[in-house]
Protein backbone atom coordinates (compact mmCIF):
# COMPACT_ATOMS: atom_id res chain seq x y z
CA UNK A 1 0.00 0.00 0.00
CA UNK A 2 1.21 3.48 -0.79
CA UNK A 3 1.17 6.48 1.53
CA UNK A 4 -1.87 8.69 1.28
CA UNK A 5 -1.79 12.43 1.77
CA UNK A 6 -5.04 14.27 2.14
CA UNK A 7 -6.29 17.49 3.72
CA UNK A 8 -9.46 17.56 5.79
CA UNK A 9 -11.10 20.88 6.49
CA UNK A 10 -12.84 20.89 9.86
CA UNK A 11 -14.57 24.24 10.37
CA UNK A 12 -11.78 26.82 10.69
CA UNK A 13 -9.13 24.19 11.30
CA UNK A 14 -7.27 22.37 8.56
CA UNK A 15 -6.10 18.89 9.42
CA UNK A 16 -3.19 17.37 7.55
CA UNK A 17 -3.23 13.60 7.71
CA UNK A 18 -0.50 11.32 6.45
CA UNK A 19 -1.20 7.62 6.21
CA UNK A 20 1.64 5.31 5.30
């Protein structure tokens, strides 16, 4: 499986998640 990089916008906060 390859690493996944996605941005989740939660209200006024931006969450950067990195799944390897």
